[in-house]
Amino acid sequence: AGAASMRAAISVASFAGRKYQFAR
């Protein structure tokens, strides 16, 4: 229904974990 909104939802849901993964 709204790609931009959903993208934000996924980003928020996994932000902390992804930040950790991106560091390595």
PDBML (XML) file of the C-alpha atoms, coordinates in Angstrom:
<?xml version="1.0" encoding="UTF-8" ?>
<PDBx:datablock datablockName="MODEL"
   xmlns:PDBx="http://pdbml.pdb.org/schema/pdbx-v50.xsd"
   xmlns:xsi="http://www.w3.org/2001/XMLSchema-instance"
   xsi:schemaLocation="http://pdbml.pdb.org/schema/pdbx-v50.xsd pdbx-v50.xsd">
   <PDBx:atom_siteCategory>
      <PDBx:atom_site id="1">
         <PDBx:B_iso_or_equiv>0.00</PDBx:B_iso_or_equiv>
         <PDBx:Cartn_x>0.000</PDBx:Cartn_x>
         <PDBx:Cartn_y>0.000</PDBx:Cartn_y>
         <PDBx:Cartn_z>0.000</PDBx:Cartn_z>
         <PDBx:auth_asym_id>A</PDBx:auth_asym_id>
         <PDBx:auth_atom_id>CA</PDBx:auth_atom_id>
         <PDBx:auth_comp_id>ALA</PDBx:auth_comp_id>
         <PDBx:auth_seq_id>1</PDBx:auth_seq_id>
         <PDBx:group_PDB>ATOM</PDBx:group_PDB>
         <PDBx:label_alt_id xsi:nil="true" />
         <PDBx:label_asym_id>A</PDBx:label_asym_id>
         <PDBx:label_atom_id>CA</PDBx:label_atom_id>
         <PDBx:label_comp_id>ALA</PDBx:label_comp_id>
         <PDBx:label_entity_id>1</PDBx:label_entity_id>
         <PDBx:label_seq_id>1</PDBx:label_seq_id>
         <PDBx:occupancy>1.00</PDBx:occupancy>
         <PDBx:pdbx_PDB_model_num>1</PDBx:pdbx_PDB_model_num>
         <PDBx:type_symbol>C</PDBx:type_symbol>
      </PDBx:atom_site>
      <PDBx:atom_site id="2">
         <PDBx:B_iso_or_equiv>0.00</PDBx:B_iso_or_equiv>
         <PDBx:Cartn_x>2.818</PDBx:Cartn_x>
         <PDBx:Cartn_y>2.378</PDBx:Cartn_y>
         <PDBx:Cartn_z>0.776</PDBx:Cartn_z>
         <PDBx:auth_asym_id>A</PDBx:auth_asym_id>
         <PDBx:auth_atom_id>CA</PDBx:auth_atom_id>
         <PDBx:auth_comp_id>GLY</PDBx:auth_comp_id>
         <PDBx:auth_seq_id>2</PDBx:auth_seq_id>
         <PDBx:group_PDB>ATOM</PDBx:group_PDB>
         <PDBx:label_alt_id xsi:nil="true" />
         <PDBx:label_asym_id>A</PDBx:label_asym_id>
         <PDBx:label_atom_id>CA</PDBx:label_atom_id>
         <PDBx:label_comp_id>GLY</PDBx:label_comp_id>
         <PDBx:label_entity_id>1</PDBx:label_entity_id>
         <PDBx:label_seq_id>2</PDBx:label_seq_id>
         <PDBx:occupancy>1.00</PDBx:occupancy>
         <PDBx:pdbx_PDB_model_num>1</PDBx:pdbx_PDB_model_num>
         <PDBx:type_symbol>C</PDBx:type_symbol>
      </PDBx:atom_site>
      <PDBx:atom_site id="3">
         <PDBx:B_iso_or_equiv>0.00</PDBx:B_iso_or_equiv>
         <PDBx:Cartn_x>6.394</PDBx:Cartn_x>
         <PDBx:Cartn_y>1.346</PDBx:Cartn_y>
         <PDBx:Cartn_z>0.072</PDBx:Cartn_z>
         <PDBx:auth_asym_id>A</PDBx:auth_asym_id>
         <PDBx:auth_atom_id>CA</PDBx:auth_atom_id>
         <PDBx:auth_comp_id>ALA</PDBx:auth_comp_id>
         <PDBx:auth_seq_id>3</PDBx:auth_seq_id>
         <PDBx:group_PDB>ATOM</PDBx:group_PDB>
         <PDBx:label_alt_id xsi:nil="true" />
         <PDBx:label_asym_id>A</PDBx:label_asym_id>
         <PDBx:label_atom_id>CA</PDBx:label_atom_id>
         <PDBx:label_comp_id>ALA</PDBx:label_comp_id>
         <PDBx:label_entity_id>1</PDBx:label_entity_id>
         <PDBx:label_seq_id>3</PDBx:label_seq_id>
         <PDBx:occupancy>1.00</PDBx:occupancy>
         <PDBx:pdbx_PDB_model_num>1</PDBx:pdbx_PDB_model_num>
         <PDBx:type_symbol>C</PDBx:type_symbol>
      </PDBx:atom_site>
      <PDBx:atom_site id="4">
         <PDBx:B_iso_or_equiv>0.00</PDBx:B_iso_or_equiv>
         <PDBx:Cartn_x>7.960</PDBx:Cartn_x>
         <PDBx:Cartn_y>4.295</PDBx:Cartn_y>
         <PDBx:Cartn_z>1.798</PDBx:Cartn_z>
         <PDBx:auth_asym_id>A</PDBx:auth_asym_id>
         <PDBx:auth_atom_id>CA</PDBx:auth_atom_id>
         <PDBx:auth_comp_id>ALA</PDBx:auth_comp_id>
         <PDBx:auth_seq_id>4</PDBx:auth_seq_id>
         <PDBx:group_PDB>ATOM</PDBx:group_PDB>
         <PDBx:label_alt_id xsi:nil="true" />
         <PDBx:label_asym_id>A</PDBx:label_asym_id>
         <PDBx:label_atom_id>CA</PDBx:label_atom_id>
         <PDBx:label_comp_id>ALA</PDBx:label_comp_id>
         <PDBx:label_entity_id>1</PDBx:label_entity_id>
         <PDBx:label_seq_id>4</PDBx:label_seq_id>
         <PDBx:occupancy>1.00</PDBx:occupancy>
         <PDBx:pdbx_PDB_model_num>1</PDBx:pdbx_PDB_model_num>
         <PDBx:type_symbol>C</PDBx:type_symbol>
      </PDBx:atom_site>
      <PDBx:atom_site id="5">
         <PDBx:B_iso_or_equiv>0.00</PDBx:B_iso_or_equiv>
         <PDBx:Cartn_x>6.001</PDBx:Cartn_x>
         <PDBx:Cartn_y>3.793</PDBx:Cartn_y>
         <PDBx:Cartn_z>5.011</PDBx:Cartn_z>
         <PDBx:auth_asym_id>A</PDBx:auth_asym_id>
         <PDBx:auth_atom_id>CA</PDBx:auth_atom_id>
         <PDBx:auth_comp_id>SER</PDBx:auth_comp_id>
         <PDBx:auth_seq_id>5</PDBx:auth_seq_id>
         <PDBx:group_PDB>ATOM</PDBx:group_PDB>
         <PDBx:label_alt_id xsi:nil="true" />
         <PDBx:label_asym_id>A</PDBx:label_asym_id>
         <PDBx:label_atom_id>CA</PDBx:label_atom_id>
         <PDBx:label_comp_id>SER</PDBx:label_comp_id>
         <PDBx:label_entity_id>1</PDBx:label_entity_id>
         <PDBx:label_seq_id>5</PDBx:label_seq_id>
         <PDBx:occupancy>1.00</PDBx:occupancy>
         <PDBx:pdbx_PDB_model_num>1</PDBx:pdbx_PDB_model_num>
         <PDBx:type_symbol>C</PDBx:type_symbol>
      </PDBx:atom_site>
      <PDBx:atom_site id="6">
         <PDBx:B_iso_or_equiv>0.00</PDBx:B_iso_or_equiv>
         <PDBx:Cartn_x>6.774</PDBx:Cartn_x>
         <PDBx:Cartn_y>0.108</PDBx:Cartn_y>
         <PDBx:Cartn_z>5.097</PDBx:Cartn_z>
         <PDBx:auth_asym_id>A</PDBx:auth_asym_id>
         <PDBx:auth_atom_id>CA</PDBx:auth_atom_id>
         <PDBx:auth_comp_id>MET</PDBx:auth_comp_id>
         <PDBx:auth_seq_id>6</PDBx:auth_seq_id>
         <PDBx:group_PDB>ATOM</PDBx:group_PDB>
         <PDBx:label_alt_id xsi:nil="true" />
         <PDBx:label_asym_id>A</PDBx:label_asym_id>
         <PDBx:label_atom_id>CA</PDBx:label_atom_id>
         <PDBx:label_comp_id>MET</PDBx:label_comp_id>
         <PDBx:label_entity_id>1</PDBx:label_entity_id>
         <PDBx:label_seq_id>6</PDBx:label_seq_id>
         <PDBx:occupancy>1.00</PDBx:occupancy>
         <PDBx:pdbx_PDB_model_num>1</PDBx:pdbx_PDB_model_num>
         <PDBx:type_symbol>C</PDBx:type_symbol>
      </PDBx:atom_site>
      <PDBx:atom_site id="7">
         <PDBx:B_iso_or_equiv>0.00</PDBx:B_iso_or_equiv>
         <PDBx:Cartn_x>10.450</PDBx:Cartn_x>
         <PDBx:Cartn_y>0.714</PDBx:Cartn_y>
         <PDBx:Cartn_z>4.490</PDBx:Cartn_z>
         <PDBx:auth_asym_id>A</PDBx:auth_asym_id>
         <PDBx:auth_atom_id>CA</PDBx:auth_atom_id>
         <PDBx:auth_comp_id>ARG</PDBx:auth_comp_id>
         <PDBx:auth_seq_id>7</PDBx:auth_seq_id>
         <PDBx:group_PDB>ATOM</PDBx:group_PDB>
         <PDBx:label_alt_id xsi:nil="true" />
         <PDBx:label_asym_id>A</PDBx:label_asym_id>
         <PDBx:label_atom_id>CA</PDBx:label_atom_id>
         <PDBx:label_comp_id>ARG</PDBx:label_comp_id>
         <PDBx:label_entity_id>1</PDBx:label_entity_id>
         <PDBx:label_seq_id>7</PDBx:label_seq_id>
         <PDBx:occupancy>1.00</PDBx:occupancy>
         <PDBx:pdbx_PDB_model_num>1</PDBx:pdbx_PDB_model_num>
         <PDBx:type_symbol>C</PDBx:type_symbol>
      </PDBx:atom_site>
      <PDBx:atom_site id="8">
         <PDBx:B_iso_or_equiv>0.00</PDBx:B_iso_or_equiv>
         <PDBx:Cartn_x>10.490</PDBx:Cartn_x>
         <PDBx:Cartn_y>2.955</PDBx:Cartn_y>
         <PDBx:Cartn_z>7.505</PDBx:Cartn_z>
         <PDBx:auth_asym_id>A</PDBx:auth_asym_id>
         <PDBx:auth_atom_id>CA</PDBx:auth_atom_id>
         <PDBx:auth_comp_id>ALA</PDBx:auth_comp_id>
         <PDBx:auth_seq_id>8</PDBx:auth_seq_id>
         <PDBx:group_PDB>ATOM</PDBx:group_PDB>
         <PDBx:label_alt_id xsi:nil="true" />
         <PDBx:label_asym_id>A</PDBx:label_asym_id>
         <PDBx:label_atom_id>CA</PDBx:label_atom_id>
         <PDBx:label_comp_id>ALA</PDBx:label_comp_id>
         <PDBx:label_entity_id>1</PDBx:label_entity_id>
         <PDBx:label_seq_id>8</PDBx:label_seq_id>
         <PDBx:occupancy>1.00</PDBx:occupancy>
         <PDBx:pdbx_PDB_model_num>1</PDBx:pdbx_PDB_model_num>
         <PDBx:type_symbol>C</PDBx:type_symbol>
      </PDBx:atom_site>
      <PDBx:atom_site id="9">
         <PDBx:B_iso_or_equiv>0.00</PDBx:B_iso_or_equiv>
         <PDBx:Cartn_x>8.730</PDBx:Cartn_x>
         <PDBx:Cartn_y>0.273</PDBx:Cartn_y>
         <PDBx:Cartn_z>9.571</PDBx:Cartn_z>
         <PDBx:auth_asym_id>A</PDBx:auth_asym_id>
         <PDBx:auth_atom_id>CA</PDBx:auth_atom_id>
         <PDBx:auth_comp_id>ALA</PDBx:auth_comp_id>
         <PDBx:auth_seq_id>9</PDBx:auth_seq_id>
         <PDBx:group_PDB>ATOM</PDBx:group_PDB>
         <PDBx:label_alt_id xsi:nil="true" />
         <PDBx:label_asym_id>A</PDBx:label_asym_id>
         <PDBx:label_atom_id>CA</PDBx:label_atom_id>
         <PDBx:label_comp_id>ALA</PDBx:label_comp_id>
         <PDBx:label_entity_id>1</PDBx:label_entity_id>
         <PDBx:label_seq_id>9</PDBx:label_seq_id>
         <PDBx:occupancy>1.00</PDBx:occupancy>
         <PDBx:pdbx_PDB_model_num>1</PDBx:pdbx_PDB_model_num>
         <PDBx:type_symbol>C</PDBx:type_symbol>
      </PDBx:atom_site>
      <PDBx:atom_site id="10">
         <PDBx:B_iso_or_equiv>0.00</PDBx:B_iso_or_equiv>
         <PDBx:Cartn_x>11.326</PDBx:Cartn_x>
         <PDBx:Cartn_y>-2.352</PDBx:Cartn_y>
         <PDBx:Cartn_z>8.699</PDBx:Cartn_z>
         <PDBx:auth_asym_id>A</PDBx:auth_asym_id>
         <PDBx:auth_atom_id>CA</PDBx:auth_atom_id>
         <PDBx:auth_comp_id>ILE</PDBx:auth_comp_id>
         <PDBx:auth_seq_id>10</PDBx:auth_seq_id>
         <PDBx:group_PDB>ATOM</PDBx:group_PDB>
         <PDBx:label_alt_id xsi:nil="true" />
         <PDBx:label_asym_id>A</PDBx:label_asym_id>
         <PDBx:label_atom_id>CA</PDBx:label_atom_id>
         <PDBx:label_comp_id>ILE</PDBx:label_comp_id>
         <PDBx:label_entity_id>1</PDBx:label_entity_id>
         <PDBx:label_seq_id>10</PDBx:label_seq_id>
         <PDBx:occupancy>1.00</PDBx:occupancy>
         <PDBx:pdbx_PDB_model_num>1</PDBx:pdbx_PDB_model_num>
         <PDBx:type_symbol>C</PDBx:type_symbol>
      </PDBx:atom_site>
      <PDBx:atom_site id="11">
         <PDBx:B_iso_or_equiv>0.00</PDBx:B_iso_or_equiv>
         <PDBx:Cartn_x>14.166</PDBx:Cartn_x>
         <PDBx:Cartn_y>0.075</PDBx:Cartn_y>
         <PDBx:Cartn_z>9.352</PDBx:Cartn_z>
         <PDBx:auth_asym_id>A</PDBx:auth_asym_id>
         <PDBx:auth_atom_id>CA</PDBx:auth_atom_id>
         <PDBx:auth_comp_id>SER</PDBx:auth_comp_id>
         <PDBx:auth_seq_id>11</PDBx:auth_seq_id>
         <PDBx:group_PDB>ATOM</PDBx:group_PDB>
         <PDBx:label_alt_id xsi:nil="true" />
         <PDBx:label_asym_id>A</PDBx:label_asym_id>
         <PDBx:label_atom_id>CA</PDBx:label_atom_id>
         <PDBx:label_comp_id>SER</PDBx:label_comp_id>
         <PDBx:label_entity_id>1</PDBx:label_entity_id>
         <PDBx:label_seq_id>11</PDBx:label_seq_id>
         <PDBx:occupancy>1.00</PDBx:occupancy>
         <PDBx:pdbx_PDB_model_num>1</PDBx:pdbx_PDB_model_num>
         <PDBx:type_symbol>C</PDBx:type_symbol>
      </PDBx:atom_site>
      <PDBx:atom_site id="12">
         <PDBx:B_iso_or_equiv>0.00</PDBx:B_iso_or_equiv>
         <PDBx:Cartn_x>12.834</PDBx:Cartn_x>
         <PDBx:Cartn_y>0.989</PDBx:Cartn_y>
         <PDBx:Cartn_z>12.792</PDBx:Cartn_z>
         <PDBx:auth_asym_id>A</PDBx:auth_asym_id>
         <PDBx:auth_atom_id>CA</PDBx:auth_atom_id>
         <PDBx:auth_comp_id>VAL</PDBx:auth_comp_id>
         <PDBx:auth_seq_id>12</PDBx:auth_seq_id>
         <PDBx:group_PDB>ATOM</PDBx:group_PDB>
         <PDBx:label_alt_id xsi:nil="true" />
         <PDBx:label_asym_id>A</PDBx:label_asym_id>
         <PDBx:label_atom_id>CA</PDBx:label_atom_id>
         <PDBx:label_comp_id>VAL</PDBx:label_comp_id>
         <PDBx:label_entity_id>1</PDBx:label_entity_id>
         <PDBx:label_seq_id>12</PDBx:label_seq_id>
         <PDBx:occupancy>1.00</PDBx:occupancy>
         <PDBx:pdbx_PDB_model_num>1</PDBx:pdbx_PDB_model_num>
         <PDBx:type_symbol>C</PDBx:type_symbol>
      </PDBx:atom_site>
      <PDBx:atom_site id="13">
         <PDBx:B_iso_or_equiv>0.00</PDBx:B_iso_or_equiv>
         <PDBx:Cartn_x>12.123</PDBx:Cartn_x>
         <PDBx:Cartn_y>-2.639</PDBx:Cartn_y>
         <PDBx:Cartn_z>13.702</PDBx:Cartn_z>
         <PDBx:auth_asym_id>A</PDBx:auth_asym_id>
         <PDBx:auth_atom_id>CA</PDBx:auth_atom_id>
         <PDBx:auth_comp_id>ALA</PDBx:auth_comp_id>
         <PDBx:auth_seq_id>13</PDBx:auth_seq_id>
         <PDBx:group_PDB>ATOM</PDBx:group_PDB>
         <PDBx:label_alt_id xsi:nil="true" />
         <PDBx:label_asym_id>A</PDBx:label_asym_id>
         <PDBx:label_atom_id>CA</PDBx:label_atom_id>
         <PDBx:label_comp_id>ALA</PDBx:label_comp_id>
         <PDBx:label_entity_id>1</PDBx:label_entity_id>
         <PDBx:label_seq_id>13</PDBx:label_seq_id>
         <PDBx:occupancy>1.00</PDBx:occupancy>
         <PDBx:pdbx_PDB_model_num>1</PDBx:pdbx_PDB_model_num>
         <PDBx:type_symbol>C</PDBx:type_symbol>
      </PDBx:atom_site>
      <PDBx:atom_site id="14">
         <PDBx:B_iso_or_equiv>0.00</PDBx:B_iso_or_equiv>
         <PDBx:Cartn_x>15.672</PDBx:Cartn_x>
         <PDBx:Cartn_y>-3.737</PDBx:Cartn_y>
         <PDBx:Cartn_z>13.077</PDBx:Cartn_z>
         <PDBx:auth_asym_id>A</PDBx:auth_asym_id>
         <PDBx:auth_atom_id>CA</PDBx:auth_atom_id>
         <PDBx:auth_comp_id>SER</PDBx:auth_comp_id>
         <PDBx:auth_seq_id>14</PDBx:auth_seq_id>
         <PDBx:group_PDB>ATOM</PDBx:group_PDB>
         <PDBx:label_alt_id xsi:nil="true" />
         <PDBx:label_asym_id>A</PDBx:label_asym_id>
         <PDBx:label_atom_id>CA</PDBx:label_atom_id>
         <PDBx:label_comp_id>SER</PDBx:label_comp_id>
         <PDBx:label_entity_id>1</PDBx:label_entity_id>
         <PDBx:label_seq_id>14</PDBx:label_seq_id>
         <PDBx:occupancy>1.00</PDBx:occupancy>
         <PDBx:pdbx_PDB_model_num>1</PDBx:pdbx_PDB_model_num>
         <PDBx:type_symbol>C</PDBx:type_symbol>
      </PDBx:atom_site>
      <PDBx:atom_site id="15">
         <PDBx:B_iso_or_equiv>0.00</PDBx:B_iso_or_equiv>
         <PDBx:Cartn_x>17.691</PDBx:Cartn_x>
         <PDBx:Cartn_y>-0.546</PDBx:Cartn_y>
         <PDBx:Cartn_z>13.440</PDBx:Cartn_z>
         <PDBx:auth_asym_id>A</PDBx:auth_asym_id>
         <PDBx:auth_atom_id>CA</PDBx:auth_atom_id>
         <PDBx:auth_comp_id>PHE</PDBx:auth_comp_id>
         <PDBx:auth_seq_id>15</PDBx:auth_seq_id>
         <PDBx:group_PDB>ATOM</PDBx:group_PDB>
         <PDBx:label_alt_id xsi:nil="true" />
         <PDBx:label_asym_id>A</PDBx:label_asym_id>
         <PDBx:label_atom_id>CA</PDBx:label_atom_id>
         <PDBx:label_comp_id>PHE</PDBx:label_comp_id>
         <PDBx:label_entity_id>1</PDBx:label_entity_id>
         <PDBx:label_seq_id>15</PDBx:label_seq_id>
         <PDBx:occupancy>1.00</PDBx:occupancy>
         <PDBx:pdbx_PDB_model_num>1</PDBx:pdbx_PDB_model_num>
         <PDBx:type_symbol>C</PDBx:type_symbol>
      </PDBx:atom_site>
      <PDBx:atom_site id="16">
         <PDBx:B_iso_or_equiv>0.00</PDBx:B_iso_or_equiv>
         <PDBx:Cartn_x>19.643</PDBx:Cartn_x>
         <PDBx:Cartn_y>-1.561</PDBx:Cartn_y>
         <PDBx:Cartn_z>16.523</PDBx:Cartn_z>
         <PDBx:auth_asym_id>A</PDBx:auth_asym_id>
         <PDBx:auth_atom_id>CA</PDBx:auth_atom_id>
         <PDBx:auth_comp_id>ALA</PDBx:auth_comp_id>
         <PDBx:auth_seq_id>16</PDBx:auth_seq_id>
         <PDBx:group_PDB>ATOM</PDBx:group_PDB>
         <PDBx:label_alt_id xsi:nil="true" />
         <PDBx:label_asym_id>A</PDBx:label_asym_id>
         <PDBx:label_atom_id>CA</PDBx:label_atom_id>
         <PDBx:label_comp_id>ALA</PDBx:label_comp_id>
         <PDBx:label_entity_id>1</PDBx:label_entity_id>
         <PDBx:label_seq_id>16</PDBx:label_seq_id>
         <PDBx:occupancy>1.00</PDBx:occupancy>
         <PDBx:pdbx_PDB_model_num>1</PDBx:pdbx_PDB_model_num>
         <PDBx:type_symbol>C</PDBx:type_symbol>
      </PDBx:atom_site>
      <PDBx:atom_site id="17">
         <PDBx:B_iso_or_equiv>0.00</PDBx:B_iso_or_equiv>
         <PDBx:Cartn_x>20.620</PDBx:Cartn_x>
         <PDBx:Cartn_y>-4.938</PDBx:Cartn_y>
         <PDBx:Cartn_z>15.131</PDBx:Cartn_z>
         <PDBx:auth_asym_id>A</PDBx:auth_asym_id>
         <PDBx:auth_atom_id>CA</PDBx:auth_atom_id>
         <PDBx:auth_comp_id>GLY</PDBx:auth_comp_id>
         <PDBx:auth_seq_id>17</PDBx:auth_seq_id>
         <PDBx:group_PDB>ATOM</PDBx:group_PDB>
         <PDBx:label_alt_id xsi:nil="true" />
         <PDBx:label_asym_id>A</PDBx:label_asym_id>
         <PDBx:label_atom_id>CA</PDBx:label_atom_id>
         <PDBx:label_comp_id>GLY</PDBx:label_comp_id>
         <PDBx:label_entity_id>1</PDBx:label_entity_id>
         <PDBx:label_seq_id>17</PDBx:label_seq_id>
         <PDBx:occupancy>1.00</PDBx:occupancy>
         <PDBx:pdbx_PDB_model_num>1</PDBx:pdbx_PDB_model_num>
         <PDBx:type_symbol>C</PDBx:type_symbol>
      </PDBx:atom_site>
      <PDBx:atom_site id="18">
         <PDBx:B_iso_or_equiv>0.00</PDBx:B_iso_or_equiv>
         <PDBx:Cartn_x>21.549</PDBx:Cartn_x>
         <PDBx:Cartn_y>-3.555</PDBx:Cartn_y>
         <PDBx:Cartn_z>11.734</PDBx:Cartn_z>
         <PDBx:auth_asym_id>A</PDBx:auth_asym_id>
         <PDBx:auth_atom_id>CA</PDBx:auth_atom_id>
         <PDBx:auth_comp_id>ARG</PDBx:auth_comp_id>
         <PDBx:auth_seq_id>18</PDBx:auth_seq_id>
         <PDBx:group_PDB>ATOM</PDBx:group_PDB>
         <PDBx:label_alt_id xsi:nil="true" />
         <PDBx:label_asym_id>A</PDBx:label_asym_id>
         <PDBx:label_atom_id>CA</PDBx:label_atom_id>
         <PDBx:label_comp_id>ARG</PDBx:label_comp_id>
         <PDBx:label_entity_id>1</PDBx:label_entity_id>
         <PDBx:label_seq_id>18</PDBx:label_seq_id>
         <PDBx:occupancy>1.00</PDBx:occupancy>
         <PDBx:pdbx_PDB_model_num>1</PDBx:pdbx_PDB_model_num>
         <PDBx:type_symbol>C</PDBx:type_symbol>
      </PDBx:atom_site>
      <PDBx:atom_site id="19">
         <PDBx:B_iso_or_equiv>0.00</PDBx:B_iso_or_equiv>
         <PDBx:Cartn_x>23.684</PDBx:Cartn_x>
         <PDBx:Cartn_y>-0.859</PDBx:Cartn_y>
         <PDBx:Cartn_z>13.302</PDBx:Cartn_z>
         <PDBx:auth_asym_id>A</PDBx:auth_asym_id>
         <PDBx:auth_atom_id>CA</PDBx:auth_atom_id>
         <PDBx:auth_comp_id>LYS</PDBx:auth_comp_id>
         <PDBx:auth_seq_id>19</PDBx:auth_seq_id>
         <PDBx:group_PDB>ATOM</PDBx:group_PDB>
         <PDBx:label_alt_id xsi:nil="true" />
         <PDBx:label_asym_id>A</PDBx:label_asym_id>
         <PDBx:label_atom_id>CA</PDBx:label_atom_id>
         <PDBx:label_comp_id>LYS</PDBx:label_comp_id>
         <PDBx:label_entity_id>1</PDBx:label_entity_id>
         <PDBx:label_seq_id>19</PDBx:label_seq_id>
         <PDBx:occupancy>1.00</PDBx:occupancy>
         <PDBx:pdbx_PDB_model_num>1</PDBx:pdbx_PDB_model_num>
         <PDBx:type_symbol>C</PDBx:type_symbol>
      </PDBx:atom_site>
      <PDBx:atom_site id="20">
         <PDBx:B_iso_or_equiv>0.00</PDBx:B_iso_or_equiv>
         <PDBx:Cartn_x>25.630</PDBx:Cartn_x>
         <PDBx:Cartn_y>-3.591</PDBx:Cartn_y>
         <PDBx:Cartn_z>15.053</PDBx:Cartn_z>
         <PDBx:auth_asym_id>A</PDBx:auth_asym_id>
         <PDBx:auth_atom_id>CA</PDBx:auth_atom_id>
         <PDBx:auth_comp_id>TYR</PDBx:auth_comp_id>
         <PDBx:auth_seq_id>20</PDBx:auth_seq_id>
         <PDBx:group_PDB>ATOM</PDBx:group_PDB>
         <PDBx:label_alt_id xsi:nil="true" />
         <PDBx:label_asym_id>A</PDBx:label_asym_id>
         <PDBx:label_atom_id>CA</PDBx:label_atom_id>
         <PDBx:label_comp_id>TYR</PDBx:label_comp_id>
         <PDBx:label_entity_id>1</PDBx:label_entity_id>
         <PDBx:label_seq_id>20</PDBx:label_seq_id>
         <PDBx:occupancy>1.00</PDBx:occupancy>
         <PDBx:pdbx_PDB_model_num>1</PDBx:pdbx_PDB_model_num>
         <PDBx:type_symbol>C</PDBx:type_symbol>
      </PDBx:atom_site>
      <PDBx:atom_site id="21">
         <PDBx:B_iso_or_equiv>0.00</PDBx:B_iso_or_equiv>
         <PDBx:Cartn_x>25.956</PDBx:Cartn_x>
         <PDBx:Cartn_y>-5.632</PDBx:Cartn_y>
         <PDBx:Cartn_z>11.861</PDBx:Cartn_z>
         <PDBx:auth_asym_id>A</PDBx:auth_asym_id>
         <PDBx:auth_atom_id>CA</PDBx:auth_atom_id>
         <PDBx:auth_comp_id>GLN</PDBx:auth_comp_id>
         <PDBx:auth_seq_id>21</PDBx:auth_seq_id>
         <PDBx:group_PDB>ATOM</PDBx:group_PDB>
         <PDBx:label_alt_id xsi:nil="true" />
         <PDBx:label_asym_id>A</PDBx:label_asym_id>
         <PDBx:label_atom_id>CA</PDBx:label_atom_id>
         <PDBx:label_comp_id>GLN</PDBx:label_comp_id>
         <PDBx:label_entity_id>1</PDBx:label_entity_id>
         <PDBx:label_seq_id>21</PDBx:label_seq_id>
         <PDBx:occupancy>1.00</PDBx:occupancy>
         <PDBx:pdbx_PDB_model_num>1</PDBx:pdbx_PDB_model_num>
         <PDBx:type_symbol>C</PDBx:type_symbol>
      </PDBx:atom_site>
      <PDBx:atom_site id="22">
         <PDBx:B_iso_or_equiv>0.00</PDBx:B_iso_or_equiv>
         <PDBx:Cartn_x>27.006</PDBx:Cartn_x>
         <PDBx:Cartn_y>-2.657</PDBx:Cartn_y>
         <PDBx:Cartn_z>9.720</PDBx:Cartn_z>
         <PDBx:auth_asym_id>A</PDBx:auth_asym_id>
         <PDBx:auth_atom_id>CA</PDBx:auth_atom_id>
         <PDBx:auth_comp_id>PHE</PDBx:auth_comp_id>
         <PDBx:auth_seq_id>22</PDBx:auth_seq_id>
         <PDBx:group_PDB>ATOM</PDBx:group_PDB>
         <PDBx:label_alt_id xsi:nil="true" />
         <PDBx:label_asym_id>A</PDBx:label_asym_id>
         <PDBx:label_atom_id>CA</PDBx:label_atom_id>
         <PDBx:label_comp_id>PHE</PDBx:label_comp_id>
         <PDBx:label_entity_id>1</PDBx:label_entity_id>
         <PDBx:label_seq_id>22</PDBx:label_seq_id>
         <PDBx:occupancy>1.00</PDBx:occupancy>
         <PDBx:pdbx_PDB_model_num>1</PDBx:pdbx_PDB_model_num>
         <PDBx:type_symbol>C</PDBx:type_symbol>
      </PDBx:atom_site>
      <PDBx:atom_site id="23">
         <PDBx:B_iso_or_equiv>0.00</PDBx:B_iso_or_equiv>
         <PDBx:Cartn_x>29.836</PDBx:Cartn_x>
         <PDBx:Cartn_y>-1.946</PDBx:Cartn_y>
         <PDBx:Cartn_z>12.158</PDBx:Cartn_z>
         <PDBx:auth_asym_id>A</PDBx:auth_asym_id>
         <PDBx:auth_atom_id>CA</PDBx:auth_atom_id>
         <PDBx:auth_comp_id>ALA</PDBx:auth_comp_id>
         <PDBx:auth_seq_id>23</PDBx:auth_seq_id>
         <PDBx:group_PDB>ATOM</PDBx:group_PDB>
         <PDBx:label_alt_id xsi:nil="true" />
         <PDBx:label_asym_id>A</PDBx:label_asym_id>
         <PDBx:label_atom_id>CA</PDBx:label_atom_id>
         <PDBx:label_comp_id>ALA</PDBx:label_comp_id>
         <PDBx:label_entity_id>1</PDBx:label_entity_id>
         <PDBx:label_seq_id>23</PDBx:label_seq_id>
         <PDBx:occupancy>1.00</PDBx:occupancy>
         <PDBx:pdbx_PDB_model_num>1</PDBx:pdbx_PDB_model_num>
         <PDBx:type_symbol>C</PDBx:type_symbol>
      </PDBx:atom_site>
      <PDBx:atom_site id="24">
         <PDBx:B_iso_or_equiv>0.00</PDBx:B_iso_or_equiv>
         <PDBx:Cartn_x>31.517</PDBx:Cartn_x>
         <PDBx:Cartn_y>-5.184</PDBx:Cartn_y>
         <PDBx:Cartn_z>11.092</PDBx:Cartn_z>
         <PDBx:auth_asym_id>A</PDBx:auth_asym_id>
         <PDBx:auth_atom_id>CA</PDBx:auth_atom_id>
         <PDBx:auth_comp_id>ARG</PDBx:auth_comp_id>
         <PDBx:auth_seq_id>24</PDBx:auth_seq_id>
         <PDBx:group_PDB>ATOM</PDBx:group_PDB>
         <PDBx:label_alt_id xsi:nil="true" />
         <PDBx:label_asym_id>A</PDBx:label_asym_id>
         <PDBx:label_atom_id>CA</PDBx:label_atom_id>
         <PDBx:label_comp_id>ARG</PDBx:label_comp_id>
         <PDBx:label_entity_id>1</PDBx:label_entity_id>
         <PDBx:label_seq_id>24</PDBx:label_seq_id>
         <PDBx:occupancy>1.00</PDBx:occupancy>
         <PDBx:pdbx_PDB_model_num>1</PDBx:pdbx_PDB_model_num>
         <PDBx:type_symbol>C</PDBx:type_symbol>
      </PDBx:atom_site>
   </PDBx:atom_siteCategory>
</PDBx:datablock>
